Amino acid sequence: MRNIRLLTAIALTASIAGLSSFSAYAQQYAAVDTTNQPLSNEVCATCHGGEGQGNPVVGGPSLAGLEPWYLRKQLENFRAGIRGSQKDYIPGNEMQASVARLSDAEIDDLVNTIAGWKVIENDHTIEGDLSNGESLYANCAACHGADGEGNEALGAPGLVGRNDWYMFRQIKLFKSGYRGVHPDDTAGKLMRPSTQALKSDQDVNDVLAYINSLDR
């Protein structure tokens, strides 16, 4: 499984290595080999970086600083096929395959290890209309909090400091039905209707730009 993930990452990297904006990342991540590494590196490093810093080349978001309860739930959802089961959603399929055979104890080990990683400040890559974004965010605040702090009781993670490019992708997945439609995805079913208020990509950019502005 580790070799498959490594080859997949290299192939994805090679396919976009010609794009100047990603060339530095491609050089940094293409040679990641997790053979004989700790469990956290075997499962996470190829796509998320050795210290959870994220890897935009293959679309792996940063993990450092992610709430342990949320990380555990997502790992369990991927393992159970609640996330990542759509046949044509390659990143989700890869994530599901990576964690499919993890035991509860191994998931606990991963979550505890990741909780100890140093939080890395993520660059803001999205710009938008903050005024419109603030207005649109009022719908998000009901679950994610006025300051984007998250709400464990509702299964809503904190949003401040996360990768905006990854949040953009997840909002689009919720809007299209790739997330939030599984009958056992309780939090996802709450999230999906909320994304329908974002009528365009510009709306998504605006609300993410506002969330970025909360990162003070």
N, C-alpha and C. Protein backbone atom coordinates (compact mmCIF):
# COMPACT_ATOMS: atom_id res chain seq x y z
N MET A 1 0.84 -1.22 0.00
CA MET A 1 0.00 0.00 0.00
C MET A 1 0.86 1.26 0.00
N ARG A 2 1.99 1.21 0.80
CA ARG A 2 2.86 2.39 0.85
C ARG A 2 3.43 2.70 -0.52
N ASN A 3 3.87 1.63 -1.25
CA ASN A 3 4.46 1.86 -2.56
C ASN A 3 3.45 2.43 -3.54
N ILE A 4 2.19 1.98 -3.44
CA ILE A 4 1.14 2.51 -4.31
C ILE A 4 0.96 4.00 -4.06
N ARG A 5 0.92 4.39 -2.76
CA ARG A 5 0.74 5.81 -2.46
C ARG A 5 1.91 6.62 -2.97
N LEU A 6 3.14 6.05 -2.84
CA LEU A 6 4.32 6.77 -3.30
C LEU A 6 4.29 6.97 -4.80
N LEU A 7 3.98 5.89 -5.54
CA LEU A 7 3.94 5.99 -7.00
C LEU A 7 2.84 6.94 -7.44
N THR A 8 1.70 6.92 -6.75
CA THR A 8 0.60 7.83 -7.09
C THR A 8 1.02 9.27 -6.91
N ALA A 9 1.69 9.55 -5.79
CA ALA A 9 2.13 10.92 -5.55
C ALA A 9 3.12 11.37 -6.59
N ILE A 10 4.06 10.48 -6.97
CA ILE A 10 5.05 10.84 -7.98
C ILE A 10 4.39 11.08 -9.32
N ALA A 11 3.42 10.22 -9.67
CA ALA A 11 2.74 10.38 -10.95
C ALA A 11 1.96 11.69 -11.00
N LEU A 12 1.26 12.00 -9.92
CA LEU A 12 0.51 13.25 -9.88
C LEU A 12 1.45 14.43 -9.95
N THR A 13 2.58 14.31 -9.26
CA THR A 13 3.55 15.40 -9.28
C THR A 13 4.10 15.59 -10.69
N ALA A 14 4.44 14.48 -11.34
CA ALA A 14 5.00 14.58 -12.68
C ALA A 14 4.02 15.20 -13.65
N SER A 15 2.74 14.92 -13.47
CA SER A 15 1.74 15.40 -14.42
C SER A 15 1.59 16.91 -14.39
N ILE A 16 1.99 17.54 -13.28
CA ILE A 16 1.85 18.99 -13.20
C ILE A 16 3.19 19.69 -12.97
N ALA A 17 4.27 18.92 -13.10
CA ALA A 17 5.58 19.50 -12.80
C ALA A 17 5.91 20.66 -13.72
N GLY A 18 5.27 20.70 -14.89
CA GLY A 18 5.54 21.79 -15.80
C GLY A 18 4.93 23.11 -15.39
N LEU A 19 4.04 23.11 -14.41
CA LEU A 19 3.42 24.34 -13.95
C LEU A 19 4.36 25.03 -12.99
N SER A 20 4.79 26.24 -13.31
CA SER A 20 5.81 26.92 -12.52
C SER A 20 5.38 27.14 -11.10
N SER A 21 4.09 27.35 -10.86
CA SER A 21 3.62 27.65 -9.51
C SER A 21 3.76 26.45 -8.58
N PHE A 22 3.92 25.24 -9.17
CA PHE A 22 4.03 24.05 -8.35
C PHE A 22 5.41 23.41 -8.41
N SER A 23 6.34 23.96 -9.19
CA SER A 23 7.61 23.28 -9.41
C SER A 23 8.39 23.08 -8.12
N ALA A 24 8.39 24.07 -7.26
CA ALA A 24 9.12 23.94 -6.00
C ALA A 24 8.53 22.84 -5.13
N TYR A 25 7.19 22.79 -5.09
CA TYR A 25 6.54 21.75 -4.31
C TYR A 25 6.83 20.38 -4.90
N ALA A 26 6.84 20.28 -6.21
CA ALA A 26 7.10 19.00 -6.85
C ALA A 26 8.47 18.47 -6.46
N GLN A 27 9.49 19.33 -6.47
CA GLN A 27 10.82 18.91 -6.09
C GLN A 27 10.87 18.49 -4.63
N GLN A 28 10.11 19.14 -3.79
CA GLN A 28 10.14 18.86 -2.36
C GLN A 28 9.48 17.54 -2.02
N TYR A 29 8.39 17.19 -2.71
CA TYR A 29 7.59 16.06 -2.30
C TYR A 29 7.71 14.82 -3.18
N ALA A 30 8.28 14.94 -4.35
CA ALA A 30 8.24 13.82 -5.29
C ALA A 30 8.95 12.58 -4.77
N ALA A 31 9.99 12.76 -3.94
CA ALA A 31 10.80 11.63 -3.53
C ALA A 31 10.45 11.09 -2.15
N VAL A 32 9.28 11.43 -1.62
CA VAL A 32 8.91 10.96 -0.29
C VAL A 32 8.77 9.43 -0.32
N ASP A 33 9.53 8.77 0.53
CA ASP A 33 9.48 7.31 0.65
C ASP A 33 9.23 6.97 2.11
N THR A 34 8.10 6.36 2.39
CA THR A 34 7.70 6.13 3.78
C THR A 34 8.00 4.71 4.26
N THR A 35 8.77 3.94 3.49
CA THR A 35 9.13 2.59 3.88
C THR A 35 9.83 2.60 5.23
N ASN A 36 9.40 1.71 6.11
CA ASN A 36 10.01 1.56 7.44
C ASN A 36 9.94 2.84 8.28
N GLN A 37 8.94 3.64 8.05
CA GLN A 37 8.73 4.85 8.82
C GLN A 37 7.67 4.60 9.89
N PRO A 38 7.56 5.50 10.90
CA PRO A 38 6.48 5.37 11.88
C PRO A 38 5.12 5.38 11.19
N LEU A 39 4.11 4.88 11.89
CA LEU A 39 2.78 4.77 11.31
C LEU A 39 2.29 6.10 10.76
N SER A 40 2.53 7.20 11.50
CA SER A 40 2.05 8.50 11.03
C SER A 40 2.65 8.87 9.69
N ASN A 41 3.92 8.52 9.46
CA ASN A 41 4.54 8.81 8.18
C ASN A 41 4.09 7.85 7.10
N GLU A 42 3.92 6.57 7.45
CA GLU A 42 3.48 5.59 6.47
C GLU A 42 2.11 5.96 5.90
N VAL A 43 1.22 6.42 6.77
CA VAL A 43 -0.15 6.68 6.35
C VAL A 43 -0.31 8.09 5.79
N CYS A 44 0.39 9.07 6.38
CA CYS A 44 0.08 10.48 6.12
C CYS A 44 1.09 11.23 5.26
N ALA A 45 2.38 10.86 5.36
CA ALA A 45 3.44 11.75 4.89
C ALA A 45 3.40 12.03 3.39
N THR A 46 3.10 11.02 2.59
CA THR A 46 3.17 11.22 1.14
C THR A 46 2.24 12.33 0.68
N CYS A 47 1.05 12.37 1.25
CA CYS A 47 0.08 13.36 0.80
C CYS A 47 -0.01 14.58 1.71
N HIS A 48 0.32 14.42 3.00
CA HIS A 48 0.12 15.51 3.94
C HIS A 48 1.41 16.10 4.49
N GLY A 49 2.55 15.55 4.10
CA GLY A 49 3.82 16.03 4.60
C GLY A 49 4.23 15.34 5.89
N GLY A 50 5.53 15.25 6.12
CA GLY A 50 6.05 14.52 7.26
C GLY A 50 5.66 15.09 8.60
N GLU A 51 5.33 16.39 8.65
CA GLU A 51 4.90 17.02 9.90
C GLU A 51 3.52 17.64 9.75
N GLY A 52 2.75 17.11 8.81
CA GLY A 52 1.38 17.56 8.63
C GLY A 52 1.24 18.94 8.04
N GLN A 53 2.27 19.39 7.30
CA GLN A 53 2.24 20.73 6.76
C GLN A 53 1.40 20.86 5.50
N GLY A 54 0.96 19.72 4.96
CA GLY A 54 0.14 19.75 3.76
C GLY A 54 0.98 19.63 2.51
N ASN A 55 0.35 19.25 1.42
CA ASN A 55 1.02 19.07 0.14
C ASN A 55 0.06 19.47 -0.98
N PRO A 56 0.12 20.73 -1.42
CA PRO A 56 -0.82 21.18 -2.45
C PRO A 56 -0.63 20.50 -3.79
N VAL A 57 0.53 19.88 -4.04
CA VAL A 57 0.75 19.18 -5.30
C VAL A 57 -0.25 18.06 -5.47
N VAL A 58 -0.48 17.29 -4.40
CA VAL A 58 -1.41 16.17 -4.49
C VAL A 58 -2.72 16.45 -3.77
N GLY A 59 -2.90 17.69 -3.30
CA GLY A 59 -4.17 18.08 -2.70
C GLY A 59 -4.36 17.65 -1.27
N GLY A 60 -3.26 17.31 -0.58
CA GLY A 60 -3.37 16.91 0.82
C GLY A 60 -3.31 18.12 1.74
N PRO A 61 -4.37 18.40 2.50
CA PRO A 61 -4.38 19.59 3.36
C PRO A 61 -3.45 19.42 4.55
N SER A 62 -3.12 20.52 5.20
CA SER A 62 -2.35 20.46 6.44
C SER A 62 -3.19 19.77 7.51
N LEU A 63 -2.52 19.01 8.36
CA LEU A 63 -3.19 18.31 9.45
C LEU A 63 -2.84 18.90 10.80
N ALA A 64 -1.67 19.50 10.91
CA ALA A 64 -1.22 20.07 12.18
C ALA A 64 -2.22 21.13 12.64
N GLY A 65 -2.68 21.02 13.87
CA GLY A 65 -3.63 21.98 14.40
C GLY A 65 -5.08 21.58 14.22
N LEU A 66 -5.33 20.52 13.47
CA LEU A 66 -6.71 20.05 13.28
C LEU A 66 -7.20 19.40 14.57
N GLU A 67 -8.43 19.69 14.95
CA GLU A 67 -8.96 19.17 16.21
C GLU A 67 -8.91 17.63 16.21
N PRO A 68 -8.38 17.04 17.29
CA PRO A 68 -8.29 15.57 17.35
C PRO A 68 -9.63 14.87 17.16
N TRP A 69 -10.70 15.42 17.74
CA TRP A 69 -12.01 14.77 17.60
C TRP A 69 -12.47 14.77 16.15
N TYR A 70 -12.17 15.87 15.42
CA TYR A 70 -12.59 15.94 14.02
C TYR A 70 -11.73 15.02 13.16
N LEU A 71 -10.43 15.02 13.41
CA LEU A 71 -9.54 14.14 12.66
C LEU A 71 -9.94 12.68 12.85
N ARG A 72 -10.21 12.29 14.09
CA ARG A 72 -10.62 10.90 14.36
C ARG A 72 -11.91 10.56 13.60
N LYS A 73 -12.87 11.46 13.63
CA LYS A 73 -14.14 11.19 12.96
C LYS A 73 -13.95 11.03 11.46
N GLN A 74 -13.10 11.86 10.86
CA GLN A 74 -12.89 11.76 9.41
C GLN A 74 -12.16 10.48 9.05
N LEU A 75 -11.18 10.09 9.85
CA LEU A 75 -10.49 8.83 9.59
C LEU A 75 -11.48 7.66 9.68
N GLU A 76 -12.35 7.70 10.69
CA GLU A 76 -13.35 6.65 10.83
C GLU A 76 -14.32 6.66 9.66
N ASN A 77 -14.69 7.85 9.19
CA ASN A 77 -15.60 7.94 8.05
C ASN A 77 -14.97 7.41 6.78
N PHE A 78 -13.70 7.73 6.55
CA PHE A 78 -13.03 7.19 5.37
C PHE A 78 -12.93 5.67 5.48
N ARG A 79 -12.57 5.17 6.64
CA ARG A 79 -12.44 3.72 6.83
C ARG A 79 -13.76 3.00 6.58
N ALA A 80 -14.85 3.62 7.00
CA ALA A 80 -16.18 3.00 6.85
C ALA A 80 -16.80 3.22 5.48
N GLY A 81 -16.17 4.03 4.63
CA GLY A 81 -16.74 4.31 3.32
C GLY A 81 -17.77 5.42 3.33
N ILE A 82 -17.89 6.11 4.45
CA ILE A 82 -18.82 7.23 4.52
C ILE A 82 -18.27 8.41 3.73
N ARG A 83 -16.95 8.52 3.69
CA ARG A 83 -16.27 9.48 2.81
C ARG A 83 -15.38 8.73 1.84
N GLY A 84 -15.23 9.29 0.64
CA GLY A 84 -14.27 8.75 -0.32
C GLY A 84 -14.72 7.55 -1.10
N SER A 85 -16.00 7.24 -1.09
CA SER A 85 -16.47 6.02 -1.75
C SER A 85 -16.87 6.23 -3.21
N GLN A 86 -16.99 7.49 -3.66
CA GLN A 86 -17.37 7.73 -5.05
C GLN A 86 -16.25 7.26 -5.98
N LYS A 87 -16.58 6.46 -6.97
CA LYS A 87 -15.57 5.82 -7.81
C LYS A 87 -14.74 6.81 -8.61
N ASP A 88 -15.31 7.97 -8.95
CA ASP A 88 -14.57 8.91 -9.79
C ASP A 88 -13.96 10.05 -8.98
N TYR A 89 -13.93 9.94 -7.66
CA TYR A 89 -13.30 10.95 -6.83
C TYR A 89 -11.96 10.41 -6.33
N ILE A 90 -10.91 10.61 -7.13
CA ILE A 90 -9.62 9.97 -6.90
C ILE A 90 -9.01 10.32 -5.54
N PRO A 91 -8.94 11.60 -5.14
CA PRO A 91 -8.33 11.89 -3.82
C PRO A 91 -9.04 11.18 -2.68
N GLY A 92 -10.37 11.12 -2.74
CA GLY A 92 -11.12 10.42 -1.70
C GLY A 92 -10.86 8.93 -1.73
N ASN A 93 -10.77 8.36 -2.94
CA ASN A 93 -10.48 6.93 -3.06
C ASN A 93 -9.13 6.59 -2.47
N GLU A 94 -8.14 7.47 -2.74
CA GLU A 94 -6.79 7.23 -2.22
C GLU A 94 -6.77 7.32 -0.69
N MET A 95 -7.50 8.28 -0.16
CA MET A 95 -7.53 8.44 1.29
C MET A 95 -8.22 7.24 1.93
N GLN A 96 -9.29 6.80 1.34
CA GLN A 96 -10.01 5.65 1.88
C GLN A 96 -9.12 4.41 1.87
N ALA A 97 -8.40 4.19 0.77
CA ALA A 97 -7.50 3.04 0.68
C ALA A 97 -6.39 3.11 1.72
N SER A 98 -5.93 4.33 2.02
CA SER A 98 -4.82 4.49 2.96
C SER A 98 -5.20 4.11 4.38
N VAL A 99 -6.46 4.30 4.74
CA VAL A 99 -6.87 4.07 6.14
C VAL A 99 -7.80 2.87 6.30
N ALA A 100 -8.12 2.19 5.21
CA ALA A 100 -9.15 1.15 5.25
C ALA A 100 -8.85 0.04 6.24
N ARG A 101 -7.57 -0.26 6.47
CA ARG A 101 -7.21 -1.39 7.32
C ARG A 101 -6.70 -0.96 8.69
N LEU A 102 -6.83 0.30 9.01
CA LEU A 102 -6.39 0.77 10.32
C LEU A 102 -7.34 0.29 11.41
N SER A 103 -6.78 -0.14 12.52
CA SER A 103 -7.58 -0.51 13.68
C SER A 103 -7.93 0.74 14.47
N ASP A 104 -8.85 0.60 15.42
CA ASP A 104 -9.18 1.73 16.28
C ASP A 104 -7.94 2.21 17.03
N ALA A 105 -7.12 1.26 17.47
CA ALA A 105 -5.90 1.63 18.21
C ALA A 105 -4.94 2.40 17.32
N GLU A 106 -4.84 2.01 16.05
CA GLU A 106 -3.94 2.71 15.12
C GLU A 106 -4.47 4.11 14.82
N ILE A 107 -5.77 4.25 14.70
CA ILE A 107 -6.34 5.58 14.51
C ILE A 107 -6.04 6.45 15.72
N ASP A 108 -6.18 5.88 16.92
CA ASP A 108 -5.85 6.64 18.13
C ASP A 108 -4.38 7.06 18.12
N ASP A 109 -3.51 6.17 17.68
CA ASP A 109 -2.08 6.47 17.60
C ASP A 109 -1.83 7.63 16.64
N LEU A 110 -2.47 7.59 15.48
CA LEU A 110 -2.32 8.67 14.51
C LEU A 110 -2.81 10.00 15.08
N VAL A 111 -4.00 9.97 15.66
CA VAL A 111 -4.59 11.20 16.18
C VAL A 111 -3.71 11.80 17.28
N ASN A 112 -3.21 10.95 18.16
CA ASN A 112 -2.37 11.44 19.25
C ASN A 112 -1.05 11.99 18.74
N THR A 113 -0.48 11.33 17.74
CA THR A 113 0.77 11.81 17.16
C THR A 113 0.58 13.16 16.48
N ILE A 114 -0.46 13.27 15.68
CA ILE A 114 -0.72 14.50 14.94
C ILE A 114 -1.03 15.65 15.89
N ALA A 115 -1.67 15.34 17.01
CA ALA A 115 -1.98 16.38 18.00
C ALA A 115 -0.72 17.03 18.55
N GLY A 116 0.40 16.31 18.49
CA GLY A 116 1.65 16.85 18.99
C GLY A 116 2.47 17.60 17.97
N TRP A 117 2.00 17.66 16.71
CA TRP A 117 2.75 18.36 15.68
C TRP A 117 2.60 19.87 15.83
N LYS A 118 3.66 20.57 15.52
CA LYS A 118 3.65 22.03 15.59
C LYS A 118 2.72 22.60 14.52
N VAL A 119 1.88 23.54 14.94
CA VAL A 119 0.97 24.17 13.99
C VAL A 119 1.76 25.07 13.04
N ILE A 120 1.51 24.90 11.75
CA ILE A 120 2.21 25.65 10.73
C ILE A 120 1.26 26.66 10.11
N GLU A 121 1.71 27.91 10.03
CA GLU A 121 0.85 28.95 9.46
C GLU A 121 0.68 28.72 7.97
N ASN A 122 -0.56 28.66 7.54
CA ASN A 122 -0.85 28.42 6.12
C ASN A 122 -0.98 29.74 5.37
N ASP A 123 -0.45 29.76 4.15
CA ASP A 123 -0.57 30.94 3.31
C ASP A 123 -2.00 31.12 2.84
N HIS A 124 -2.43 32.36 2.74
CA HIS A 124 -3.74 32.67 2.17
C HIS A 124 -3.59 32.77 0.65
N THR A 125 -4.36 31.99 -0.07
CA THR A 125 -4.24 31.97 -1.53
C THR A 125 -5.47 32.52 -2.23
N ILE A 126 -6.52 32.84 -1.48
CA ILE A 126 -7.79 33.27 -2.07
C ILE A 126 -8.10 34.69 -1.65
N GLU A 127 -8.55 35.48 -2.60
CA GLU A 127 -8.98 36.85 -2.34
C GLU A 127 -10.45 36.99 -2.69
N GLY A 128 -11.11 37.94 -2.05
CA GLY A 128 -12.53 38.14 -2.33
C GLY A 128 -13.06 39.38 -1.66
N ASP A 129 -14.34 39.58 -1.79
CA ASP A 129 -15.04 40.73 -1.22
C ASP A 129 -15.36 40.43 0.24
N LEU A 130 -14.67 41.10 1.17
CA LEU A 130 -14.85 40.79 2.58
C LEU A 130 -16.26 41.14 3.07
N SER A 131 -16.83 42.20 2.53
CA SER A 131 -18.17 42.59 2.95
C SER A 131 -19.19 41.52 2.59
N ASN A 132 -19.13 41.06 1.35
CA ASN A 132 -20.05 39.99 0.93
C ASN A 132 -19.73 38.71 1.68
N GLY A 133 -18.45 38.44 1.90
CA GLY A 133 -18.06 37.25 2.61
C GLY A 133 -18.57 37.24 4.04
N GLU A 134 -18.52 38.39 4.71
CA GLU A 134 -19.03 38.47 6.07
C GLU A 134 -20.53 38.20 6.11
N SER A 135 -21.25 38.74 5.14
CA SER A 135 -22.69 38.51 5.07
C SER A 135 -23.00 37.03 4.85
N LEU A 136 -22.26 36.40 3.94
CA LEU A 136 -22.48 34.99 3.65
C LEU A 136 -22.07 34.10 4.82
N TYR A 137 -21.06 34.53 5.55
CA TYR A 137 -20.56 33.71 6.66
C TYR A 137 -21.56 33.60 7.80
N ALA A 138 -22.50 34.50 7.87
CA ALA A 138 -23.52 34.44 8.93
C ALA A 138 -24.21 33.08 8.92
N ASN A 139 -24.37 32.49 7.75
CA ASN A 139 -24.98 31.18 7.64
C ASN A 139 -24.07 30.09 8.19
N CYS A 140 -22.75 30.29 8.06
CA CYS A 140 -21.76 29.32 8.52
C CYS A 140 -21.57 29.39 10.03
N ALA A 141 -21.74 30.61 10.58
CA ALA A 141 -21.44 30.85 11.99
C ALA A 141 -22.31 30.02 12.92
N ALA A 142 -23.50 29.64 12.46
CA ALA A 142 -24.41 28.86 13.30
C ALA A 142 -23.76 27.56 13.78
N CYS A 143 -22.90 26.97 12.94
CA CYS A 143 -22.22 25.73 13.32
C CYS A 143 -20.75 25.94 13.63
N HIS A 144 -20.09 26.76 12.84
CA HIS A 144 -18.63 26.90 12.95
C HIS A 144 -18.21 28.01 13.90
N GLY A 145 -19.18 28.80 14.41
CA GLY A 145 -18.86 29.84 15.37
C GLY A 145 -18.61 31.18 14.72
N ALA A 146 -18.90 32.24 15.43
CA ALA A 146 -18.76 33.59 14.90
C ALA A 146 -17.33 33.90 14.51
N ASP A 147 -16.38 33.30 15.22
CA ASP A 147 -14.97 33.53 14.94
C ASP A 147 -14.31 32.33 14.27
N GLY A 148 -15.12 31.42 13.74
CA GLY A 148 -14.57 30.25 13.05
C GLY A 148 -13.89 29.27 13.96
N GLU A 149 -14.33 29.26 15.25
CA GLU A 149 -13.65 28.43 16.24
C GLU A 149 -14.10 26.97 16.22
N GLY A 150 -15.22 26.66 15.56
CA GLY A 150 -15.70 25.30 15.49
C GLY A 150 -16.63 24.94 16.64
N ASN A 151 -17.30 23.80 16.51
CA ASN A 151 -18.26 23.35 17.52
C ASN A 151 -18.30 21.82 17.49
N GLU A 152 -17.66 21.20 18.48
CA GLU A 152 -17.58 19.74 18.50
C GLU A 152 -18.96 19.10 18.58
N ALA A 153 -19.87 19.69 19.34
CA ALA A 153 -21.20 19.10 19.51
C ALA A 153 -21.93 18.96 18.18
N LEU A 154 -21.65 19.86 17.25
CA LEU A 154 -22.29 19.82 15.94
C LEU A 154 -21.40 19.16 14.89
N GLY A 155 -20.21 18.71 15.29
CA GLY A 155 -19.29 18.09 14.34
C GLY A 155 -18.68 19.08 13.38
N ALA A 156 -18.67 20.37 13.75
CA ALA A 156 -18.17 21.42 12.86
C ALA A 156 -16.76 21.81 13.28
N PRO A 157 -15.77 21.61 12.43
CA PRO A 157 -14.39 21.93 12.81
C PRO A 157 -14.14 23.43 12.78
N GLY A 158 -13.06 23.84 13.42
CA GLY A 158 -12.61 25.22 13.30
C GLY A 158 -12.15 25.48 11.88
N LEU A 159 -12.33 26.69 11.42
CA LEU A 159 -12.00 27.05 10.04
C LEU A 159 -10.78 27.96 9.93
N VAL A 160 -10.51 28.70 10.98
CA VAL A 160 -9.42 29.67 10.94
C VAL A 160 -8.08 28.95 10.89
N GLY A 161 -7.23 29.38 9.97
CA GLY A 161 -5.90 28.80 9.85
C GLY A 161 -5.81 27.58 8.98
N ARG A 162 -6.92 27.14 8.43
CA ARG A 162 -6.90 25.98 7.54
C ARG A 162 -6.57 26.41 6.12
N ASN A 163 -6.23 25.44 5.26
CA ASN A 163 -5.91 25.75 3.86
C ASN A 163 -7.15 26.25 3.13
N ASP A 164 -7.10 27.49 2.63
CA ASP A 164 -8.29 28.00 1.94
C ASP A 164 -8.57 27.26 0.64
N TRP A 165 -7.50 26.84 -0.06
CA TRP A 165 -7.70 26.08 -1.30
C TRP A 165 -8.39 24.74 -1.02
N TYR A 166 -8.11 24.14 0.13
CA TYR A 166 -8.76 22.88 0.47
C TYR A 166 -10.22 23.12 0.87
N MET A 167 -10.47 24.19 1.62
CA MET A 167 -11.86 24.50 1.98
C MET A 167 -12.68 24.81 0.74
N PHE A 168 -12.08 25.49 -0.24
CA PHE A 168 -12.79 25.75 -1.49
C PHE A 168 -13.23 24.43 -2.12
N ARG A 169 -12.30 23.48 -2.19
CA ARG A 169 -12.60 22.19 -2.80
C ARG A 169 -13.70 21.45 -2.04
N GLN A 170 -13.65 21.49 -0.71
CA GLN A 170 -14.65 20.78 0.07
C GLN A 170 -16.04 21.41 -0.07
N ILE A 171 -16.10 22.73 -0.11
CA ILE A 171 -17.39 23.39 -0.34
C ILE A 171 -17.98 22.95 -1.67
N LYS A 172 -17.14 22.88 -2.68
CA LYS A 172 -17.61 22.44 -4.00
C LYS A 172 -18.09 20.99 -3.96
N LEU A 173 -17.41 20.16 -3.17
CA LEU A 173 -17.82 18.76 -3.05
C LEU A 173 -19.17 18.65 -2.34
N PHE A 174 -19.37 19.45 -1.31
CA PHE A 174 -20.66 19.45 -0.63
C PHE A 174 -21.76 19.94 -1.58
N LYS A 175 -21.48 20.99 -2.34
CA LYS A 175 -22.48 21.54 -3.25
C LYS A 175 -22.88 20.51 -4.31
N SER A 176 -21.90 19.75 -4.80
CA SER A 176 -22.16 18.82 -5.90
C SER A 176 -22.72 17.48 -5.45
N GLY A 177 -22.63 17.19 -4.14
CA GLY A 177 -23.14 15.93 -3.64
C GLY A 177 -22.09 14.86 -3.44
N TYR A 178 -20.81 15.22 -3.61
CA TYR A 178 -19.75 14.26 -3.34
C TYR A 178 -19.52 14.09 -1.84
N ARG A 179 -19.93 15.05 -1.06
CA ARG A 179 -19.89 14.94 0.40
C ARG A 179 -21.27 15.28 0.96
N GLY A 180 -21.58 14.68 2.09
CA GLY A 180 -22.80 15.04 2.79
C GLY A 180 -24.05 14.31 2.36
N VAL A 181 -23.92 13.27 1.56
CA VAL A 181 -25.11 12.55 1.10
C VAL A 181 -25.21 11.15 1.70
N HIS A 182 -24.14 10.66 2.31
CA HIS A 182 -24.19 9.34 2.91
C HIS A 182 -25.13 9.37 4.12
N PRO A 183 -25.99 8.38 4.27
CA PRO A 183 -26.98 8.42 5.37
C PRO A 183 -26.36 8.44 6.76
N ASP A 184 -25.10 8.01 6.89
CA ASP A 184 -24.46 8.01 8.20
C ASP A 184 -23.59 9.23 8.45
N ASP A 185 -23.56 10.14 7.50
CA ASP A 185 -22.75 11.34 7.65
C ASP A 185 -23.62 12.46 8.22
N THR A 186 -23.82 12.43 9.53
CA THR A 186 -24.74 13.37 10.17
C THR A 186 -24.27 14.81 10.01
N ALA A 187 -23.00 15.07 10.29
CA ALA A 187 -22.49 16.43 10.17
C ALA A 187 -22.49 16.89 8.72
N GLY A 188 -22.18 15.97 7.82
CA GLY A 188 -22.17 16.33 6.40
C GLY A 188 -23.55 16.71 5.90
N LYS A 189 -24.57 16.05 6.42
CA LYS A 189 -25.94 16.37 6.00
C LYS A 189 -26.36 17.75 6.50
N LEU A 190 -25.75 18.21 7.59
CA LEU A 190 -26.00 19.58 8.04
C LEU A 190 -25.25 20.59 7.18
N MET A 191 -24.07 20.20 6.74
CA MET A 191 -23.21 21.10 5.98
C MET A 191 -23.71 21.32 4.55
N ARG A 192 -24.18 20.26 3.93
CA ARG A 192 -24.50 20.36 2.51
C ARG A 192 -25.56 21.42 2.19
N PRO A 193 -26.68 21.50 2.90
CA PRO A 193 -27.65 22.54 2.57
C PRO A 193 -27.09 23.95 2.76
N SER A 194 -26.19 24.11 3.72
CA SER A 194 -25.62 25.43 3.96
C SER A 194 -24.80 25.92 2.78
N THR A 195 -24.14 24.99 2.08
CA THR A 195 -23.31 25.41 0.95
C THR A 195 -24.14 25.89 -0.23
N GLN A 196 -25.41 25.52 -0.26
CA GLN A 196 -26.24 25.92 -1.39
C GLN A 196 -26.50 27.43 -1.39
N ALA A 197 -26.25 28.08 -0.25
CA ALA A 197 -26.40 29.54 -0.19
C ALA A 197 -25.29 30.24 -0.95
N LEU A 198 -24.22 29.52 -1.26
CA LEU A 198 -23.11 30.09 -2.03
C LEU A 198 -23.39 29.80 -3.49
N LYS A 199 -23.89 30.79 -4.18
CA LYS A 199 -24.44 30.59 -5.52
C LYS A 199 -23.38 30.52 -6.61
N SER A 200 -22.19 30.99 -6.34
CA SER A 200 -21.15 31.04 -7.38
C SER A 200 -19.79 30.81 -6.75
N ASP A 201 -18.79 30.57 -7.61
CA ASP A 201 -17.42 30.44 -7.12
C ASP A 201 -16.96 31.73 -6.45
N GLN A 202 -17.46 32.86 -6.94
CA GLN A 202 -17.09 34.13 -6.32
C GLN A 202 -17.62 34.21 -4.89
N ASP A 203 -18.83 33.72 -4.67
CA ASP A 203 -19.36 33.67 -3.31
C ASP A 203 -18.47 32.81 -2.41
N VAL A 204 -18.03 31.68 -2.94
CA VAL A 204 -17.15 30.81 -2.17
C VAL A 204 -15.85 31.54 -1.84
N ASN A 205 -15.28 32.20 -2.84
CA ASN A 205 -14.06 32.96 -2.61
C ASN A 205 -14.27 34.05 -1.56
N ASP A 206 -15.41 34.72 -1.64
CA ASP A 206 -15.68 35.82 -0.71
C ASP A 206 -15.77 35.32 0.73
N VAL A 207 -16.48 34.21 0.95
CA VAL A 207 -16.62 33.71 2.31
C VAL A 207 -15.29 33.17 2.84
N LEU A 208 -14.48 32.58 1.96
CA LEU A 208 -13.17 32.10 2.39
C LEU A 208 -12.22 33.26 2.68
N ALA A 209 -12.33 34.32 1.89
CA ALA A 209 -11.51 35.51 2.17
C ALA A 209 -11.88 36.09 3.52
N TYR A 210 -13.16 36.06 3.85
CA TYR A 210 -13.58 36.57 5.17
C TYR A 210 -13.04 35.66 6.28
N ILE A 211 -13.10 34.35 6.09
CA ILE A 211 -12.55 33.44 7.08
C ILE A 211 -11.05 33.68 7.26
N ASN A 212 -10.36 33.93 6.15
CA ASN A 212 -8.93 34.27 6.25
C ASN A 212 -8.72 35.52 7.09
N SER A 213 -9.65 36.47 6.99
CA SER A 213 -9.49 37.72 7.74
C SER A 213 -9.64 37.51 9.25
N LEU A 214 -10.24 36.39 9.64
CA LEU A 214 -10.38 36.07 11.06
C LEU A 214 -9.09 35.51 11.65
N ASP A 215 -8.14 35.19 10.79
CA ASP A 215 -6.88 34.57 11.20
C ASP A 215 -5.91 35.66 11.65
N ARG A 216 -6.20 36.21 12.84
CA ARG A 216 -5.38 37.32 13.34
C ARG A 216 -4.63 36.89 14.58
